[in-house]
Amino acid sequence: MGTLRRNSTWIGLILAVAGLAGHLFAAHAIGGVRVSNYIAYRDHIFGFFLIAVVTGAIIAGLGWRFWKGRFDITVLVFGVVQALFGLYVYIERFNIG
C-alpha cells in the first residue's frame, strides 16, 4: 500500500508541473521569448499560483473532511485540477485576437 501512495503523490506532483507547463506554453505562444514580453510569462505564472492557492485551499478542505490521513489523494486531486486548468489555459490561447 505504501508504494501506491507514493506513486499517487508523484503522479499528482507531475500533473501539477504539467499544469504549470500549460501556462508557460500559452505565455510563450502569446508573448514569445523576447525579454520585452516577460509580462506574458509573469501574468501566466501569477495566474498559475493564484489558481493553485484557491483550488489548493478548496481541495485541502475536502481532503480534511472526506479523506483524512490520505495526503496522496489530496496531492493527486490537486495535480489533476492543475493539469486541467493548464490545458484549458493553453487551449484558450488560440482565442486571443
PDB file of N, CA and C in Angstrom:
ATOM      1  N   MET A   1       0.818  -1.199   0.000  1.00  0.00           N
ATOM      2  CA  MET A   1       0.000   0.000   0.000  1.00  0.00           C
ATOM      3  C   MET A   1       0.859   1.258   0.000  1.00  0.00           C
ATOM      4  N   GLY A   2       2.055   1.199   0.566  1.00  0.00           N
ATOM      5  CA  GLY A   2       2.924   2.355   0.609  1.00  0.00           C
ATOM      6  C   GLY A   2       3.382   2.781  -0.768  1.00  0.00           C
ATOM      7  N   THR A   3       3.623   1.812  -1.643  1.00  0.00           N
ATOM      8  CA  THR A   3       4.060   2.124  -2.996  1.00  0.00           C
ATOM      9  C   THR A   3       2.953   2.831  -3.769  1.00  0.00           C
ATOM     10  N   LEU A   4       1.715   2.389  -3.586  1.00  0.00           N
ATOM     11  CA  LEU A   4       0.586   3.025  -4.258  1.00  0.00           C
ATOM     12  C   LEU A   4       0.439   4.468  -3.812  1.00  0.00           C
ATOM     13  N   ARG A   5       0.587   4.730  -2.531  1.00  0.00           N
ATOM     14  CA  ARG A   5       0.500   6.103  -2.023  1.00  0.00           C
ATOM     15  C   ARG A   5       1.636   6.972  -2.559  1.00  0.00           C
ATOM     16  N   ARG A   6       2.813   6.405  -2.602  1.00  0.00           N
ATOM     17  CA  ARG A   6       3.963   7.152  -3.111  1.00  0.00           C
ATOM     18  C   ARG A   6       3.777   7.456  -4.599  1.00  0.00           C
ATOM     19  N   ASN A   7       3.291   6.477  -5.363  1.00  0.00           N
ATOM     20  CA  ASN A   7       3.058   6.694  -6.788  1.00  0.00           C
ATOM     21  C   ASN A   7       1.970   7.739  -7.018  1.00  0.00           C
ATOM     22  N   SER A   8       0.916   7.697  -6.227  1.00  0.00           N
ATOM     23  CA  SER A   8      -0.157   8.684  -6.364  1.00  0.00           C
ATOM     24  C   SER A   8       0.357  10.088  -6.078  1.00  0.00           C
ATOM     25  N   THR A   9       1.204  10.218  -5.089  1.00  0.00           N
ATOM     26  CA  THR A   9       1.770  11.518  -4.761  1.00  0.00           C
ATOM     27  C   THR A   9       2.639  12.023  -5.903  1.00  0.00           C
ATOM     28  N   TRP A  10       3.482  11.160  -6.457  1.00  0.00           N
ATOM     29  CA  TRP A  10       4.348  11.573  -7.565  1.00  0.00           C
ATOM     30  C   TRP A  10       3.547  11.925  -8.807  1.00  0.00           C
ATOM     31  N   ILE A  11       2.518  11.155  -9.093  1.00  0.00           N
ATOM     32  CA  ILE A  11       1.674  11.465 -10.252  1.00  0.00           C
ATOM     33  C   ILE A  11       1.004  12.822 -10.061  1.00  0.00           C
ATOM     34  N   GLY A  12       0.533  13.102  -8.844  1.00  0.00           N
ATOM     35  CA  GLY A  12      -0.081  14.397  -8.555  1.00  0.00           C
ATOM     36  C   GLY A  12       0.894  15.543  -8.756  1.00  0.00           C
ATOM     37  N   LEU A  13       2.126  15.370  -8.301  1.00  0.00           N
ATOM     38  CA  LEU A  13       3.131  16.415  -8.472  1.00  0.00           C
ATOM     39  C   LEU A  13       3.488  16.614  -9.947  1.00  0.00           C
ATOM     40  N   ILE A  14       3.594  15.523 -10.682  1.00  0.00           N
ATOM     41  CA  ILE A  14       3.898  15.627 -12.110  1.00  0.00           C
ATOM     42  C   ILE A  14       2.767  16.327 -12.849  1.00  0.00           C
ATOM     43  N   LEU A  15       1.527  16.029 -12.484  1.00  0.00           N
ATOM     44  CA  LEU A  15       0.386  16.689 -13.114  1.00  0.00           C
ATOM     45  C   LEU A  15       0.351  18.181 -12.779  1.00  0.00           C
ATOM     46  N   ALA A  16       0.740  18.538 -11.558  1.00  0.00           N
ATOM     47  CA  ALA A  16       0.798  19.959 -11.196  1.00  0.00           C
ATOM     48  C   ALA A  16       1.854  20.683 -12.031  1.00  0.00           C
ATOM     49  N   VAL A  17       2.986  20.048 -12.253  1.00  0.00           N
ATOM     50  CA  VAL A  17       4.022  20.630 -13.107  1.00  0.00           C
ATOM     51  C   VAL A  17       3.517  20.727 -14.548  1.00  0.00           C
ATOM     52  N   ALA A  18       2.746  19.745 -14.988  1.00  0.00           N
ATOM     53  CA  ALA A  18       2.160  19.800 -16.331  1.00  0.00           C
ATOM     54  C   ALA A  18       1.197  20.984 -16.444  1.00  0.00           C
ATOM     55  N   GLY A  19       0.473  21.276 -15.366  1.00  0.00           N
ATOM     56  CA  GLY A  19      -0.402  22.451 -15.363  1.00  0.00           C
ATOM     57  C   GLY A  19       0.390  23.738 -15.517  1.00  0.00           C
ATOM     58  N   LEU A  20       1.507  23.832 -14.816  1.00  0.00           N
ATOM     59  CA  LEU A  20       2.376  24.994 -14.966  1.00  0.00           C
ATOM     60  C   LEU A  20       2.924  25.076 -16.385  1.00  0.00           C
ATOM     61  N   ALA A  21       3.256  23.937 -16.964  1.00  0.00           N
ATOM     62  CA  ALA A  21       3.763  23.919 -18.335  1.00  0.00           C
ATOM     63  C   ALA A  21       2.709  24.443 -19.310  1.00  0.00           C
ATOM     64  N   GLY A  22       1.443  24.125 -19.071  1.00  0.00           N
ATOM     65  CA  GLY A  22       0.385  24.658 -19.928  1.00  0.00           C
ATOM     66  C   GLY A  22       0.345  26.171 -19.894  1.00  0.00           C
ATOM     67  N   HIS A  23       0.511  26.733 -18.707  1.00  0.00           N
ATOM     68  CA  HIS A  23       0.552  28.192 -18.575  1.00  0.00           C
ATOM     69  C   HIS A  23       1.777  28.764 -19.300  1.00  0.00           C
ATOM     70  N   LEU A  24       2.916  28.114 -19.152  1.00  0.00           N
ATOM     71  CA  LEU A  24       4.139  28.616 -19.782  1.00  0.00           C
ATOM     72  C   LEU A  24       4.082  28.496 -21.298  1.00  0.00           C
ATOM     73  N   PHE A  25       3.508  27.411 -21.807  1.00  0.00           N
ATOM     74  CA  PHE A  25       3.359  27.277 -23.259  1.00  0.00           C
ATOM     75  C   PHE A  25       2.417  28.335 -23.809  1.00  0.00           C
ATOM     76  N   ALA A  26       1.359  28.636 -23.076  1.00  0.00           N
ATOM     77  CA  ALA A  26       0.443  29.689 -23.516  1.00  0.00           C
ATOM     78  C   ALA A  26       1.145  31.046 -23.501  1.00  0.00           C
ATOM     79  N   ALA A  27       1.943  31.304 -22.482  1.00  0.00           N
ATOM     80  CA  ALA A  27       2.681  32.567 -22.417  1.00  0.00           C
ATOM     81  C   ALA A  27       3.675  32.659 -23.563  1.00  0.00           C
ATOM     82  N   HIS A  28       4.322  31.568 -23.876  1.00  0.00           N
ATOM     83  CA  HIS A  28       5.270  31.560 -24.993  1.00  0.00           C
ATOM     84  C   HIS A  28       4.556  31.850 -26.310  1.00  0.00           C
ATOM     85  N   ALA A  29       3.386  31.276 -26.487  1.00  0.00           N
ATOM     86  CA  ALA A  29       2.640  31.490 -27.729  1.00  0.00           C
ATOM     87  C   ALA A  29       2.141  32.922 -27.840  1.00  0.00           C
ATOM     88  N   ILE A  30       1.793  33.519 -26.720  1.00  0.00           N
ATOM     89  CA  ILE A  30       1.265  34.885 -26.736  1.00  0.00           C
ATOM     90  C   ILE A  30       2.393  35.903 -26.824  1.00  0.00           C
ATOM     91  N   GLY A  31       3.400  35.732 -25.967  1.00  0.00           N
ATOM     92  CA  GLY A  31       4.429  36.759 -25.871  1.00  0.00           C
ATOM     93  C   GLY A  31       5.737  36.434 -26.534  1.00  0.00           C
ATOM     94  N   GLY A  32       5.954  35.194 -26.869  1.00  0.00           N
ATOM     95  CA  GLY A  32       7.233  34.819 -27.454  1.00  0.00           C
ATOM     96  C   GLY A  32       8.314  34.729 -26.397  1.00  0.00           C
ATOM     97  N   VAL A  33       9.544  34.691 -26.837  1.00  0.00           N
ATOM     98  CA  VAL A  33      10.656  34.539 -25.895  1.00  0.00           C
ATOM     99  C   VAL A  33      11.449  35.825 -25.731  1.00  0.00           C
ATOM    100  N   ARG A  34      11.008  36.904 -26.360  1.00  0.00           N
ATOM    101  CA  ARG A  34      11.734  38.168 -26.221  1.00  0.00           C
ATOM    102  C   ARG A  34      11.640  38.681 -24.790  1.00  0.00           C
ATOM    103  N   VAL A  35      12.692  39.333 -24.358  1.00  0.00           N
ATOM    104  CA  VAL A  35      12.744  39.858 -22.995  1.00  0.00           C
ATOM    105  C   VAL A  35      11.650  40.904 -22.782  1.00  0.00           C
ATOM    106  N   SER A  36      11.309  41.649 -23.818  1.00  0.00           N
ATOM    107  CA  SER A  36      10.302  42.695 -23.665  1.00  0.00           C
ATOM    108  C   SER A  36       8.901  42.126 -23.443  1.00  0.00           C
ATOM    109  N   ASN A  37       8.712  40.838 -23.675  1.00  0.00           N
ATOM    110  CA  ASN A  37       7.403  40.223 -23.486  1.00  0.00           C
ATOM    111  C   ASN A  37       7.343  39.361 -22.232  1.00  0.00           C
ATOM    112  N   TYR A  38       8.143  39.714 -21.237  1.00  0.00           N
ATOM    113  CA  TYR A  38       8.135  38.966 -19.987  1.00  0.00           C
ATOM    114  C   TYR A  38       6.798  39.101 -19.277  1.00  0.00           C
ATOM    115  N   ILE A  39       6.001  40.099 -19.646  1.00  0.00           N
ATOM    116  CA  ILE A  39       4.702  40.313 -18.998  1.00  0.00           C
ATOM    117  C   ILE A  39       3.802  39.110 -19.196  1.00  0.00           C
ATOM    118  N   ALA A  40       3.832  38.511 -20.374  1.00  0.00           N
ATOM    119  CA  ALA A  40       3.013  37.324 -20.627  1.00  0.00           C
ATOM    120  C   ALA A  40       3.401  36.199 -19.674  1.00  0.00           C
ATOM    121  N   TYR A  41       4.703  35.995 -19.494  1.00  0.00           N
ATOM    122  CA  TYR A  41       5.156  34.959 -18.570  1.00  0.00           C
ATOM    123  C   TYR A  41       4.776  35.307 -17.132  1.00  0.00           C
ATOM    124  N   ARG A  42       4.996  36.560 -16.748  1.00  0.00           N
ATOM    125  CA  ARG A  42       4.679  36.979 -15.391  1.00  0.00           C
ATOM    126  C   ARG A  42       3.208  36.753 -15.084  1.00  0.00           C
ATOM    127  N   ASP A  43       2.352  37.151 -16.012  1.00  0.00           N
ATOM    128  CA  ASP A  43       0.914  37.018 -15.785  1.00  0.00           C
ATOM    129  C   ASP A  43       0.473  35.560 -15.724  1.00  0.00           C
ATOM    130  N   HIS A  44       1.042  34.727 -16.584  1.00  0.00           N
ATOM    131  CA  HIS A  44       0.657  33.316 -16.573  1.00  0.00           C
ATOM    132  C   HIS A  44       1.168  32.592 -15.335  1.00  0.00           C
ATOM    133  N   ILE A  45       2.371  32.917 -14.912  1.00  0.00           N
ATOM    134  CA  ILE A  45       2.899  32.295 -13.690  1.00  0.00           C
ATOM    135  C   ILE A  45       2.091  32.762 -12.484  1.00  0.00           C
ATOM    136  N   PHE A  46       1.774  34.058 -12.433  1.00  0.00           N
ATOM    137  CA  PHE A  46       0.928  34.561 -11.348  1.00  0.00           C
ATOM    138  C   PHE A  46      -0.433  33.866 -11.372  1.00  0.00           C
ATOM    139  N   GLY A  47      -1.006  33.708 -12.558  1.00  0.00           N
ATOM    140  CA  GLY A  47      -2.297  33.028 -12.684  1.00  0.00           C
ATOM    141  C   GLY A  47      -2.228  31.592 -12.201  1.00  0.00           C
ATOM    142  N   PHE A  48      -1.150  30.896 -12.539  1.00  0.00           N
ATOM    143  CA  PHE A  48      -0.993  29.518 -12.081  1.00  0.00           C
ATOM    144  C   PHE A  48      -0.983  29.458 -10.558  1.00  0.00           C
ATOM    145  N   PHE A  49      -0.186  30.324  -9.927  1.00  0.00           N
ATOM    146  CA  PHE A  49      -0.100  30.283  -8.477  1.00  0.00           C
ATOM    147  C   PHE A  49      -1.391  30.744  -7.812  1.00  0.00           C
ATOM    148  N   LEU A  50      -2.087  31.684  -8.415  1.00  0.00           N
ATOM    149  CA  LEU A  50      -3.376  32.100  -7.872  1.00  0.00           C
ATOM    150  C   LEU A  50      -4.379  30.951  -7.933  1.00  0.00           C
ATOM    151  N   ILE A  51      -4.449  30.295  -9.076  1.00  0.00           N
ATOM    152  CA  ILE A  51      -5.334  29.132  -9.205  1.00  0.00           C
ATOM    153  C   ILE A  51      -4.912  28.037  -8.234  1.00  0.00           C
ATOM    154  N   ALA A  52      -3.604  27.835  -8.082  1.00  0.00           N
ATOM    155  CA  ALA A  52      -3.110  26.797  -7.178  1.00  0.00           C
ATOM    156  C   ALA A  52      -3.495  27.079  -5.733  1.00  0.00           C
ATOM    157  N   VAL A  53      -3.413  28.336  -5.324  1.00  0.00           N
ATOM    158  CA  VAL A  53      -3.765  28.674  -3.939  1.00  0.00           C
ATOM    159  C   VAL A  53      -5.262  28.487  -3.695  1.00  0.00           C
ATOM    160  N   VAL A  54      -6.075  28.988  -4.620  1.00  0.00           N
ATOM    161  CA  VAL A  54      -7.527  28.899  -4.435  1.00  0.00           C
ATOM    162  C   VAL A  54      -7.994  27.448  -4.486  1.00  0.00           C
ATOM    163  N   THR A  55      -7.614  26.729  -5.550  1.00  0.00           N
ATOM    164  CA  THR A  55      -8.062  25.339  -5.649  1.00  0.00           C
ATOM    165  C   THR A  55      -7.398  24.467  -4.591  1.00  0.00           C
ATOM    166  N   GLY A  56      -6.150  24.804  -4.242  1.00  0.00           N
ATOM    167  CA  GLY A  56      -5.471  24.042  -3.197  1.00  0.00           C
ATOM    168  C   GLY A  56      -6.172  24.153  -1.850  1.00  0.00           C
ATOM    169  N   ALA A  57      -6.655  25.343  -1.524  1.00  0.00           N
ATOM    170  CA  ALA A  57      -7.383  25.517  -0.267  1.00  0.00           C
ATOM    171  C   ALA A  57      -8.686  24.722  -0.288  1.00  0.00           C
ATOM    172  N   ILE A  58      -9.381  24.757  -1.409  1.00  0.00           N
ATOM    173  CA  ILE A  58     -10.635  24.010  -1.516  1.00  0.00           C
ATOM    174  C   ILE A  58     -10.373  22.506  -1.430  1.00  0.00           C
ATOM    175  N   ILE A  59      -9.373  22.038  -2.149  1.00  0.00           N
ATOM    176  CA  ILE A  59      -9.062  20.608  -2.150  1.00  0.00           C
ATOM    177  C   ILE A  59      -8.543  20.165  -0.785  1.00  0.00           C
ATOM    178  N   ALA A  60      -7.756  21.001  -0.125  1.00  0.00           N
ATOM    179  CA  ALA A  60      -7.274  20.661   1.220  1.00  0.00           C
ATOM    180  C   ALA A  60      -8.451  20.547   2.190  1.00  0.00           C
ATOM    181  N   GLY A  61      -9.410  21.451   2.064  1.00  0.00           N
ATOM    182  CA  GLY A  61     -10.605  21.355   2.910  1.00  0.00           C
ATOM    183  C   GLY A  61     -11.391  20.088   2.642  1.00  0.00           C
ATOM    184  N   LEU A  62     -11.544  19.743   1.384  1.00  0.00           N
ATOM    185  CA  LEU A  62     -12.230  18.496   1.044  1.00  0.00           C
ATOM    186  C   LEU A  62     -11.454  17.286   1.552  1.00  0.00           C
ATOM    187  N   GLY A  63     -10.136  17.350   1.423  1.00  0.00           N
ATOM    188  CA  GLY A  63      -9.308  16.264   1.927  1.00  0.00           C
ATOM    189  C   GLY A  63      -9.413  16.102   3.430  1.00  0.00           C
ATOM    190  N   TRP A  64      -9.442  17.200   4.124  1.00  0.00           N
ATOM    191  CA  TRP A  64      -9.576  17.152   5.582  1.00  0.00           C
ATOM    192  C   TRP A  64     -10.924  16.565   5.981  1.00  0.00           C
ATOM    193  N   ARG A  65     -11.944  16.854   5.185  1.00  0.00           N
ATOM    194  CA  ARG A  65     -13.298  16.402   5.505  1.00  0.00           C
ATOM    195  C   ARG A  65     -13.556  14.961   5.084  1.00  0.00           C
ATOM    196  N   PHE A  66     -13.119  14.589   3.884  1.00  0.00           N
ATOM    197  CA  PHE A  66     -13.532  13.310   3.334  1.00  0.00           C
ATOM    198  C   PHE A  66     -12.459  12.221   3.325  1.00  0.00           C
ATOM    199  N   TRP A  67     -11.198  12.564   3.165  1.00  0.00           N
ATOM    200  CA  TRP A  67     -10.174  11.531   3.148  1.00  0.00           C
ATOM    201  C   TRP A  67      -9.019  11.920   4.050  1.00  0.00           C
ATOM    202  N   LYS A  68      -9.349  12.120   5.311  1.00  0.00           N
ATOM    203  CA  LYS A  68      -8.357  12.494   6.324  1.00  0.00           C
ATOM    204  C   LYS A  68      -7.285  11.406   6.427  1.00  0.00           C
ATOM    205  N   GLY A  69      -6.039  11.833   6.446  1.00  0.00           N
ATOM    206  CA  GLY A  69      -4.934  10.897   6.551  1.00  0.00           C
ATOM    207  C   GLY A  69      -4.452  10.363   5.216  1.00  0.00           C
ATOM    208  N   ARG A  70      -5.070  10.763   4.137  1.00  0.00           N
ATOM    209  CA  ARG A  70      -4.665  10.306   2.801  1.00  0.00           C
ATOM    210  C   ARG A  70      -4.135  11.490   2.000  1.00  0.00           C
ATOM    211  N   PHE A  71      -2.957  11.937   2.374  1.00  0.00           N
ATOM    212  CA  PHE A  71      -2.311  13.072   1.715  1.00  0.00           C
ATOM    213  C   PHE A  71      -2.102  12.806   0.231  1.00  0.00           C
ATOM    214  N   ASP A  72      -1.873  11.551  -0.117  1.00  0.00           N
ATOM    215  CA  ASP A  72      -1.633  11.205  -1.512  1.00  0.00           C
ATOM    216  C   ASP A  72      -2.842  11.498  -2.390  1.00  0.00           C
ATOM    217  N   ILE A  73      -4.032  11.261  -1.900  1.00  0.00           N
ATOM    218  CA  ILE A  73      -5.244  11.555  -2.672  1.00  0.00           C
ATOM    219  C   ILE A  73      -5.387  13.062  -2.854  1.00  0.00           C
ATOM    220  N   THR A  74      -5.092  13.812  -1.802  1.00  0.00           N
ATOM    221  CA  THR A  74      -5.172  15.270  -1.892  1.00  0.00           C
ATOM    222  C   THR A  74      -4.208  15.801  -2.955  1.00  0.00           C
ATOM    223  N   VAL A  75      -2.989  15.307  -2.965  1.00  0.00           N
ATOM    224  CA  VAL A  75      -1.999  15.753  -3.943  1.00  0.00           C
ATOM    225  C   VAL A  75      -2.407  15.316  -5.348  1.00  0.00           C
ATOM    226  N   LEU A  76      -2.939  14.114  -5.486  1.00  0.00           N
ATOM    227  CA  LEU A  76      -3.371  13.626  -6.794  1.00  0.00           C
ATOM    228  C   LEU A  76      -4.519  14.470  -7.345  1.00  0.00           C
ATOM    229  N   VAL A  77      -5.501  14.760  -6.522  1.00  0.00           N
ATOM    230  CA  VAL A  77      -6.627  15.588  -6.969  1.00  0.00           C
ATOM    231  C   VAL A  77      -6.139  16.990  -7.321  1.00  0.00           C
ATOM    232  N   PHE A  78      -5.259  17.534  -6.499  1.00  0.00           N
ATOM    233  CA  PHE A  78      -4.678  18.850  -6.788  1.00  0.00           C
ATOM    234  C   PHE A  78      -3.968  18.846  -8.137  1.00  0.00           C
ATOM    235  N   GLY A  79      -3.179  17.819  -8.395  1.00  0.00           N
ATOM    236  CA  GLY A  79      -2.463  17.717  -9.661  1.00  0.00           C
ATOM    237  C   GLY A  79      -3.393  17.600 -10.853  1.00  0.00           C
ATOM    238  N   VAL A  80      -4.449  16.825 -10.711  1.00  0.00           N
ATOM    239  CA  VAL A  80      -5.413  16.678 -11.804  1.00  0.00           C
ATOM    240  C   VAL A  80      -6.075  18.018 -12.101  1.00  0.00           C
ATOM    241  N   VAL A  81      -6.472  18.736 -11.056  1.00  0.00           N
ATOM    242  CA  VAL A  81      -7.115  20.035 -11.250  1.00  0.00           C
ATOM    243  C   VAL A  81      -6.154  21.017 -11.914  1.00  0.00           C
ATOM    244  N   GLN A  82      -4.909  21.041 -11.487  1.00  0.00           N
ATOM    245  CA  GLN A  82      -3.931  21.952 -12.082  1.00  0.00           C
ATOM    246  C   GLN A  82      -3.659  21.594 -13.536  1.00  0.00           C
ATOM    247  N   ALA A  83      -3.579  20.303 -13.843  1.00  0.00           N
ATOM    248  CA  ALA A  83      -3.351  19.887 -15.228  1.00  0.00           C
ATOM    249  C   ALA A  83      -4.533  20.286 -16.109  1.00  0.00           C
ATOM    250  N   LEU A  84      -5.743  20.143 -15.591  1.00  0.00           N
ATOM    251  CA  LEU A  84      -6.923  20.543 -16.364  1.00  0.00           C
ATOM    252  C   LEU A  84      -6.954  22.049 -16.600  1.00  0.00           C
ATOM    253  N   PHE A  85      -6.634  22.820 -15.576  1.00  0.00           N
ATOM    254  CA  PHE A  85      -6.572  24.277 -15.753  1.00  0.00           C
ATOM    255  C   PHE A  85      -5.464  24.658 -16.733  1.00  0.00           C
ATOM    256  N   GLY A  86      -4.315  24.014 -16.639  1.00  0.00           N
ATOM    257  CA  GLY A  86      -3.221  24.300 -17.564  1.00  0.00           C
ATOM    258  C   GLY A  86      -3.595  23.981 -19.003  1.00  0.00           C
ATOM    259  N   LEU A  87      -4.285  22.863 -19.199  1.00  0.00           N
ATOM    260  CA  LEU A  87      -4.750  22.507 -20.535  1.00  0.00           C
ATOM    261  C   LEU A  87      -5.766  23.517 -21.043  1.00  0.00           C
ATOM    262  N   TYR A  88      -6.663  23.940 -20.168  1.00  0.00           N
ATOM    263  CA  TYR A  88      -7.665  24.935 -20.549  1.00  0.00           C
ATOM    264  C   TYR A  88      -7.006  26.256 -20.959  1.00  0.00           C
ATOM    265  N   VAL A  89      -6.057  26.717 -20.170  1.00  0.00           N
ATOM    266  CA  VAL A  89      -5.359  27.974 -20.478  1.00  0.00           C
ATOM    267  C   VAL A  89      -4.610  27.844 -21.797  1.00  0.00           C
ATOM    268  N   TYR A  90      -3.975  26.701 -22.019  1.00  0.00           N
ATOM    269  CA  TYR A  90      -3.241  26.503 -23.262  1.00  0.00           C
ATOM    270  C   TYR A  90      -4.186  26.504 -24.463  1.00  0.00           C
ATOM    271  N   ILE A  91      -5.313  25.839 -24.358  1.00  0.00           N
ATOM    272  CA  ILE A  91      -6.272  25.798 -25.465  1.00  0.00           C
ATOM    273  C   ILE A  91      -6.896  27.171 -25.696  1.00  0.00           C
ATOM    274  N   GLU A  92      -7.180  27.897 -24.640  1.00  0.00           N
ATOM    275  CA  GLU A  92      -7.806  29.219 -24.777  1.00  0.00           C
ATOM    276  C   GLU A  92      -6.890  30.256 -25.403  1.00  0.00           C
ATOM    277  N   ARG A  93      -5.603  30.008 -25.436  1.00  0.00           N
ATOM    278  CA  ARG A  93      -4.694  30.975 -26.054  1.00  0.00           C
ATOM    279  C   ARG A  93      -4.989  31.148 -27.531  1.00  0.00           C
ATOM    280  N   PHE A  94      -5.632  30.163 -28.151  1.00  0.00           N
ATOM    281  CA  PHE A  94      -5.975  30.270 -29.569  1.00  0.00           C
ATOM    282  C   PHE A  94      -7.081  31.275 -29.810  1.00  0.00           C
ATOM    283  N   ASN A  95      -7.828  31.638 -28.765  1.00  0.00           N
ATOM    284  CA  ASN A  95      -8.947  32.582 -28.912  1.00  0.00           C
ATOM    285  C   ASN A  95      -8.531  34.018 -28.715  1.00  0.00           C
ATOM    286  N   ILE A  96      -7.268  34.275 -28.406  1.00  0.00           N
ATOM    287  CA  ILE A  96      -6.810  35.638 -28.192  1.00  0.00           C
ATOM    288  C   ILE A  96      -6.545  36.257 -29.556  1.00  0.00           C
ATOM    289  N   GLY A  97      -7.172  37.408 -29.785  1.00  0.00           N
ATOM    290  CA  GLY A  97      -7.087  38.030 -31.090  1.00  0.00           C
ATOM    291  C   GLY A  97      -5.896  38.869 -31.214  1.00  0.00           C
TER     292      GLY A  97
END
